[in-house]
Amino acid sequence: MANRRSVFPCVLMLNLILLVLFMLDTYPYPTLSQKDPIQPFGFFKQLEGSHKGERVRGLHQAKQYLKQFGYLNVRSRHDYDDEFDDVLESAIKTYQLNYNLETNGILDTPTVKQMMMPRCAVPDIARDGTTSMKSGMKHHQHDHGKHNGSFHVVSHYSFFPGNPKWPPEKMELVYRFHSSAVANVGPLTLQSACTRALSSWAAVSNFRFRVPASFLERNDILIGFHRFFHGDGNPFDGPLGVLAHAYAPQSGATHLDADERWSTNPDQNMIDLETVCLHELGHVLGLGHSSDTNAVMFPSIAGGQKKRTPMADDINGIRALYI
């Protein structure tokens, strides 16, 4: 009888936890207003057409954007002014090269449109100045035999500085979920999206992923929703700016902005949750950004867009890193 009494509270607690999870995923979360929210990158619209030699109010915001994503690394007295100088022009040209735009150094319409898109918070160029994506000029050629000749496929994947990766004995990674903020989708939806994303990476690599066998087992990957300042020194900025960020091996931290309008069946005003999970988990495995617009590891994504399968560039990258 005593044993039965000691087990009963545990069973009751487990049932309560399951009930709470069910209710969180069934009943609506607080959602963002249907009105257009203030876009963190919306300031670029007033800078459209700006070019070297001009002084335009708000250009300092463009400089901070380019600094945030690795294109401006040198501190100078011009960091916070509105002068369009040689340094800014050079940074814009590098950005345009990475994003397959005309490299004219002007904040023209296609460049501004690209810069305003929601994107990953991981810098395109590392803080130590190591270039990646197309501007790194370190394209990877793969030879493929075809009949009596051969052809070359040029890939644009990249890695983190120093090529960090998981060691051979860690090809099975344990993932867990922990959020510090409530999003507009429930925890079960996040878990399902991430599980599918991890399965997609497992299908093209030697990695395997599983949930912990017990509460005491240590996780390798920790995934969750967070809002603004959340303890890692990389705060989120509200809807439609940076969507998420993740860290290189062997950190495993994967953070998604709770203020986005997430969906598993998005319209043009929503962000596809599985697509972003797939991208960020690519970072967790060691991939940097790609300049291939079709790749999962391309840094930005439009509302309603889905990329739920690693493409050739992503596959070549993960296999090259763990060859």
Protein backbone atom coordinates (compact mmCIF):
# COMPACT_ATOMS: atom_id res chain seq x y z
CA MET A 1 0.00 0.00 0.00
CA ALA A 2 2.84 2.38 0.82
CA ASN A 3 4.41 1.84 -2.60
CA ARG A 4 1.11 2.60 -4.30
CA ARG A 5 0.79 5.83 -2.34
CA SER A 6 4.31 6.92 -3.36
CA VAL A 7 3.66 6.21 -7.03
CA PHE A 8 0.33 8.06 -7.15
CA PRO A 9 1.77 11.63 -6.89
CA CYS A 10 4.23 10.87 -9.71
CA VAL A 11 1.46 9.59 -11.98
CA LEU A 12 -0.70 12.59 -11.14
CA MET A 13 2.15 15.00 -11.89
CA LEU A 14 2.87 13.30 -15.23
CA ASN A 15 -0.79 13.54 -16.21
CA LEU A 16 -0.87 17.22 -15.30
CA ILE A 17 2.22 17.91 -17.43
CA LEU A 18 0.69 16.10 -20.41
CA LEU A 19 -2.56 18.01 -19.95
CA VAL A 20 -0.75 21.37 -19.87
CA LEU A 21 1.22 20.52 -23.04
CA PHE A 22 -1.99 19.50 -24.78
CA MET A 23 -3.76 22.71 -23.78
CA LEU A 24 -0.81 24.89 -24.83
CA ASP A 25 -0.78 23.33 -28.27
CA THR A 26 -4.57 23.26 -28.68
CA TYR A 27 -5.74 26.64 -27.44
CA PRO A 28 -4.66 29.79 -29.24
CA TYR A 29 -1.57 31.65 -28.16
CA PRO A 30 -1.49 35.45 -28.11
CA THR A 31 -0.95 36.37 -31.75
CA LEU A 32 0.60 39.38 -33.39
CA SER A 33 -1.68 42.05 -34.78
CA GLN A 34 -2.83 41.54 -38.33
CA LYS A 35 -1.68 45.09 -39.03
CA ASP A 36 1.78 45.44 -40.51
CA PRO A 37 4.26 45.49 -37.61
CA ILE A 38 7.19 47.86 -37.51
CA GLN A 39 9.96 46.15 -39.44
CA PRO A 40 13.41 46.35 -37.82
CA PHE A 41 14.96 46.62 -41.28
CA GLY A 42 12.30 48.95 -42.68
CA PHE A 43 14.63 51.96 -42.47
CA PHE A 44 16.29 50.80 -45.68
CA LYS A 45 13.27 51.96 -47.68
CA GLN A 46 14.14 55.63 -47.10
CA LEU A 47 17.76 54.95 -48.15
CA GLU A 48 16.88 53.52 -51.55
CA GLY A 49 18.98 55.07 -54.31
CA SER A 50 21.74 56.30 -51.97
CA HIS A 51 25.29 56.17 -53.32
CA LYS A 52 28.84 57.23 -52.53
CA GLY A 53 29.41 60.92 -51.92
CA GLU A 54 25.99 61.56 -50.45
CA ARG A 55 24.95 62.34 -46.93
CA VAL A 56 21.59 60.75 -46.23
CA ARG A 57 19.76 60.75 -42.94
CA GLY A 58 19.62 57.17 -41.62
CA LEU A 59 22.73 55.82 -43.34
CA HIS A 60 24.22 55.13 -39.90
CA GLN A 61 21.54 52.46 -39.51
CA ALA A 62 22.70 50.79 -42.72
CA LYS A 63 26.24 50.81 -41.33
CA GLN A 64 25.09 49.14 -38.13
CA TYR A 65 23.23 46.49 -40.16
CA LEU A 66 26.34 45.76 -42.21
CA LYS A 67 28.44 45.67 -39.05
CA GLN A 68 26.00 43.24 -37.42
CA PHE A 69 26.29 40.77 -40.28
CA GLY A 70 30.06 41.05 -40.71
CA TYR A 71 30.51 43.46 -43.60
CA LEU A 72 31.92 46.34 -41.56
CA ASN A 73 34.43 45.22 -38.94
CA VAL A 74 36.68 48.26 -38.50
CA ARG A 75 35.66 50.86 -35.97
CA SER A 76 36.05 54.43 -37.10
CA ARG A 77 34.62 57.88 -36.48
CA HIS A 78 32.26 57.29 -39.41
CA ASP A 79 30.50 54.30 -37.83
CA TYR A 80 27.57 56.37 -36.58
CA ASP A 81 27.38 59.17 -39.15
CA ASP A 82 25.31 59.43 -42.32
CA GLU A 83 28.19 59.78 -44.81
CA PHE A 84 28.24 57.41 -47.77
CA ASP A 85 32.00 56.89 -47.98
CA ASP A 86 34.38 54.45 -49.69
CA VAL A 87 34.20 51.98 -46.79
CA LEU A 88 30.41 51.79 -46.95
CA GLU A 89 30.47 51.40 -50.71
CA SER A 90 32.95 48.52 -50.43
CA ALA A 91 30.83 46.79 -47.78
CA ILE A 92 27.72 47.08 -49.95
CA LYS A 93 29.59 45.62 -52.94
CA THR A 94 30.63 42.62 -50.84
CA TYR A 95 27.05 42.17 -49.67
CA GLN A 96 25.79 42.39 -53.26
CA LEU A 97 28.31 39.77 -54.35
CA ASN A 98 27.19 37.39 -51.62
CA TYR A 99 23.54 37.81 -52.55
CA ASN A 100 23.99 37.53 -56.32
CA LEU A 101 23.14 41.20 -56.95
CA GLU A 102 24.74 43.73 -59.28
CA THR A 103 27.92 44.83 -57.48
CA ASN A 104 27.54 48.57 -58.02
CA GLY A 105 27.93 49.70 -54.40
CA ILE A 106 24.60 51.55 -54.56
CA LEU A 107 21.61 50.97 -52.31
CA ASP A 108 19.50 50.27 -55.37
CA THR A 109 16.03 48.71 -55.33
CA PRO A 110 17.09 45.02 -55.48
CA THR A 111 19.71 45.54 -52.74
CA VAL A 112 17.29 47.34 -50.44
CA LYS A 113 14.64 44.68 -51.04
CA GLN A 114 17.11 41.95 -50.07
CA MET A 115 18.35 43.79 -46.99
CA MET A 116 14.80 44.25 -45.71
CA MET A 117 14.03 40.52 -45.82
CA PRO A 118 13.79 38.54 -42.56
CA ARG A 119 16.99 36.59 -42.00
CA CYS A 120 19.17 34.51 -39.73
CA ALA A 121 21.16 36.44 -37.13
CA VAL A 122 24.39 34.50 -37.77
CA PRO A 123 26.83 36.87 -39.53
CA ASP A 124 27.65 36.18 -43.18
CA ILE A 125 31.27 37.10 -42.51
CA ALA A 126 32.99 36.15 -39.25
CA ARG A 127 34.16 38.83 -36.85
CA ASP A 128 37.80 37.90 -37.44
CA GLY A 129 37.38 39.02 -41.05
CA THR A 130 37.21 35.50 -42.46
CA THR A 131 35.02 35.81 -45.52
CA SER A 132 32.42 33.26 -46.42
CA MET A 133 29.69 32.79 -49.00
CA LYS A 134 30.52 33.92 -52.52
CA SER A 135 32.74 36.83 -51.46
CA GLY A 136 35.19 34.39 -49.89
CA MET A 137 36.31 33.36 -53.39
CA LYS A 138 36.90 29.86 -52.07
CA HIS A 139 34.40 27.98 -54.14
CA HIS A 140 34.43 24.21 -53.91
CA GLN A 141 34.57 22.29 -57.19
CA HIS A 142 33.22 18.78 -57.39
CA ASP A 143 34.21 16.65 -60.39
CA HIS A 144 31.58 14.32 -61.77
CA GLY A 145 32.30 11.91 -64.61
CA LYS A 146 29.84 12.02 -67.47
CA HIS A 147 30.32 9.55 -70.29
CA ASN A 148 33.89 10.12 -71.51
CA GLY A 149 34.25 13.61 -70.12
CA SER A 150 33.54 15.40 -66.89
CA PHE A 151 31.74 18.46 -65.59
CA HIS A 152 32.24 20.67 -62.55
CA VAL A 153 29.71 21.73 -59.95
CA VAL A 154 30.70 24.85 -58.04
CA SER A 155 29.26 25.03 -54.52
CA HIS A 156 28.88 28.10 -52.34
CA TYR A 157 28.54 26.57 -48.90
CA SER A 158 30.75 27.81 -46.08
CA PHE A 159 31.86 26.80 -42.61
CA PHE A 160 32.52 28.64 -39.36
CA PRO A 161 36.08 29.95 -38.79
CA GLY A 162 38.37 27.03 -38.04
CA ASN A 163 35.82 24.54 -39.42
CA PRO A 164 34.47 23.39 -36.00
CA LYS A 165 32.57 20.12 -36.11
CA TRP A 166 31.28 17.33 -33.93
CA PRO A 167 33.86 14.60 -33.24
CA PRO A 168 33.43 11.11 -34.77
CA GLU A 169 32.19 9.68 -31.48
CA LYS A 170 29.35 12.23 -31.44
CA MET A 171 27.48 11.23 -34.57
CA GLU A 172 24.43 10.56 -32.39
CA LEU A 173 23.24 13.83 -30.88
CA VAL A 174 20.69 14.26 -28.11
CA TYR A 175 18.25 17.15 -28.49
CA ARG A 176 16.00 18.79 -25.94
CA PHE A 177 13.61 21.76 -25.86
CA HIS A 178 13.55 24.71 -23.47
CA SER A 179 11.89 28.08 -24.11
CA SER A 180 11.98 31.26 -22.05
CA ALA A 181 9.13 32.91 -23.99
CA VAL A 182 5.74 32.01 -25.42
CA ALA A 183 5.35 32.05 -29.21
CA ASN A 184 2.21 31.93 -31.37
CA VAL A 185 2.69 28.17 -31.87
CA GLY A 186 2.75 25.59 -29.12
CA PRO A 187 5.67 23.46 -27.89
CA LEU A 188 4.39 20.34 -29.61
CA THR A 189 4.38 22.17 -32.94
CA LEU A 190 7.98 23.27 -32.37
CA GLN A 191 8.99 19.75 -31.44
CA SER A 192 7.37 18.27 -34.54
CA ALA A 193 8.97 20.83 -36.87
CA CYS A 194 12.44 20.31 -35.36
CA THR A 195 12.13 16.53 -35.40
CA ARG A 196 11.31 16.64 -39.12
CA ALA A 197 14.21 19.04 -39.74
CA LEU A 198 16.63 16.76 -37.89
CA SER A 199 15.37 13.79 -39.88
CA SER A 200 16.12 15.73 -43.08
CA TRP A 201 19.74 16.27 -42.00
CA ALA A 202 20.05 12.64 -40.89
CA ALA A 203 18.94 11.53 -44.36
CA VAL A 204 21.92 13.25 -46.05
CA SER A 205 24.62 12.71 -43.39
CA ASN A 206 25.92 10.20 -40.88
CA PHE A 207 24.20 11.98 -37.99
CA ARG A 208 21.46 10.45 -35.89
CA PHE A 209 19.32 12.36 -33.43
CA ARG A 210 17.25 11.32 -30.43
CA VAL A 211 15.55 12.75 -27.38
CA PRO A 212 17.17 12.12 -23.96
CA ALA A 213 16.49 8.78 -22.32
CA SER A 214 15.88 10.48 -18.97
CA PHE A 215 15.76 13.93 -17.35
CA LEU A 216 19.30 13.37 -16.14
CA GLU A 217 20.86 12.72 -19.55
CA ARG A 218 22.85 15.62 -20.92
CA ASN A 219 21.67 17.14 -24.21
CA ASP A 220 23.87 18.17 -27.14
CA ILE A 221 21.29 20.45 -28.78
CA LEU A 222 18.93 22.78 -26.90
CA ILE A 223 16.12 24.36 -28.93
CA GLY A 224 13.62 27.00 -27.85
CA PHE A 225 11.73 30.25 -28.29
CA HIS A 226 13.13 33.41 -26.73
CA ARG A 227 12.38 37.15 -26.84
CA PHE A 228 14.63 40.23 -27.03
CA PHE A 229 17.43 39.91 -24.42
CA HIS A 230 17.59 36.25 -23.45
CA GLY A 231 20.98 35.74 -21.87
CA ASP A 232 23.38 35.00 -24.73
CA GLY A 233 24.39 38.55 -25.68
CA ASN A 234 22.49 38.35 -28.99
CA PRO A 235 19.05 39.88 -28.39
CA PHE A 236 16.18 39.48 -30.81
CA ASP A 237 14.53 42.51 -32.40
CA GLY A 238 10.84 41.75 -32.70
CA PRO A 239 8.90 40.66 -35.80
CA LEU A 240 10.44 40.46 -39.27
CA GLY A 241 14.05 41.29 -38.44
CA VAL A 242 16.31 38.45 -37.38
CA LEU A 243 14.31 35.26 -37.08
CA ALA A 244 16.67 33.00 -35.19
CA HIS A 245 20.28 32.15 -34.47
CA ALA A 246 22.32 29.09 -33.60
CA TYR A 247 25.90 28.41 -32.64
CA ALA A 248 28.71 26.36 -34.15
CA PRO A 249 29.70 22.94 -32.80
CA GLN A 250 29.81 21.96 -30.06
CA SER A 251 27.43 24.48 -28.52
CA GLY A 252 24.12 23.16 -29.81
CA ALA A 253 22.17 26.29 -28.74
CA THR A 254 19.31 27.02 -31.16
CA HIS A 255 17.17 30.10 -30.45
CA LEU A 256 14.07 31.25 -32.32
CA ASP A 257 12.45 34.68 -31.95
CA ALA A 258 9.13 34.21 -30.13
CA ASP A 259 7.77 37.43 -31.69
CA GLU A 260 7.63 36.10 -35.24
CA ARG A 261 4.40 34.89 -36.83
CA TRP A 262 5.41 31.25 -37.08
CA SER A 263 3.42 28.66 -38.99
CA THR A 264 3.69 25.15 -40.37
CA ASN A 265 1.47 26.19 -43.28
CA PRO A 266 2.49 29.81 -43.81
CA ASP A 267 0.93 32.48 -45.98
CA GLN A 268 2.99 35.43 -47.23
CA ASN A 269 2.74 37.15 -43.85
CA MET A 270 4.06 34.18 -41.88
CA ILE A 271 7.41 32.43 -41.47
CA ASP A 272 7.71 28.70 -42.04
CA LEU A 273 8.88 27.17 -38.76
CA GLU A 274 10.35 23.98 -40.23
CA THR A 275 12.40 25.91 -42.79
CA VAL A 276 14.02 28.07 -40.12
CA CYS A 277 14.61 25.05 -37.86
CA LEU A 278 16.31 23.24 -40.75
CA HIS A 279 18.55 26.26 -41.40
CA GLU A 280 19.53 26.83 -37.77
CA LEU A 281 20.22 23.14 -37.16
CA GLY A 282 22.54 23.29 -40.17
CA HIS A 283 24.54 25.84 -38.18
CA VAL A 284 24.53 23.50 -35.17
CA LEU A 285 26.14 20.84 -37.39
CA GLY A 286 28.83 23.28 -38.58
CA LEU A 287 27.53 24.85 -41.79
CA GLY A 288 27.82 28.59 -42.39
CA HIS A 289 25.78 30.58 -44.88
CA SER A 290 25.56 29.87 -48.59
CA SER A 291 25.15 32.30 -51.48
CA ASP A 292 23.11 29.69 -53.38
CA THR A 293 19.58 31.11 -53.28
CA ASN A 294 18.13 27.58 -53.47
CA ALA A 295 20.13 26.30 -50.50
CA VAL A 296 18.63 25.83 -47.07
CA MET A 297 21.66 27.71 -45.71
CA PHE A 298 20.91 30.89 -47.71
CA PRO A 299 20.64 33.54 -44.95
CA SER A 300 17.21 35.06 -45.63
CA ILE A 301 13.71 33.82 -46.31
CA ALA A 302 10.54 35.46 -47.58
CA GLY A 303 7.18 35.20 -45.86
CA GLY A 304 5.39 32.03 -46.93
CA GLN A 305 8.54 30.51 -48.42
CA LYS A 306 9.33 26.86 -47.65
CA LYS A 307 12.71 25.11 -47.84
CA ARG A 308 12.25 21.81 -46.08
CA THR A 309 14.82 19.64 -47.83
CA PRO A 310 18.62 20.10 -47.95
CA MET A 311 19.62 20.97 -51.50
CA ALA A 312 22.75 19.97 -53.43
CA ASP A 313 24.83 22.81 -51.97
CA ASP A 314 23.77 21.94 -48.42
CA ILE A 315 24.49 18.24 -48.96
CA ASN A 316 27.89 18.93 -50.50
CA GLY A 317 28.72 21.16 -47.54
CA ILE A 318 27.77 18.74 -44.77
CA ARG A 319 29.57 15.87 -46.49
CA ALA A 320 32.69 17.95 -47.15
CA LEU A 321 32.87 18.97 -43.48
CA TYR A 322 32.54 15.38 -42.26
CA ILE A 323 34.45 13.64 -45.05
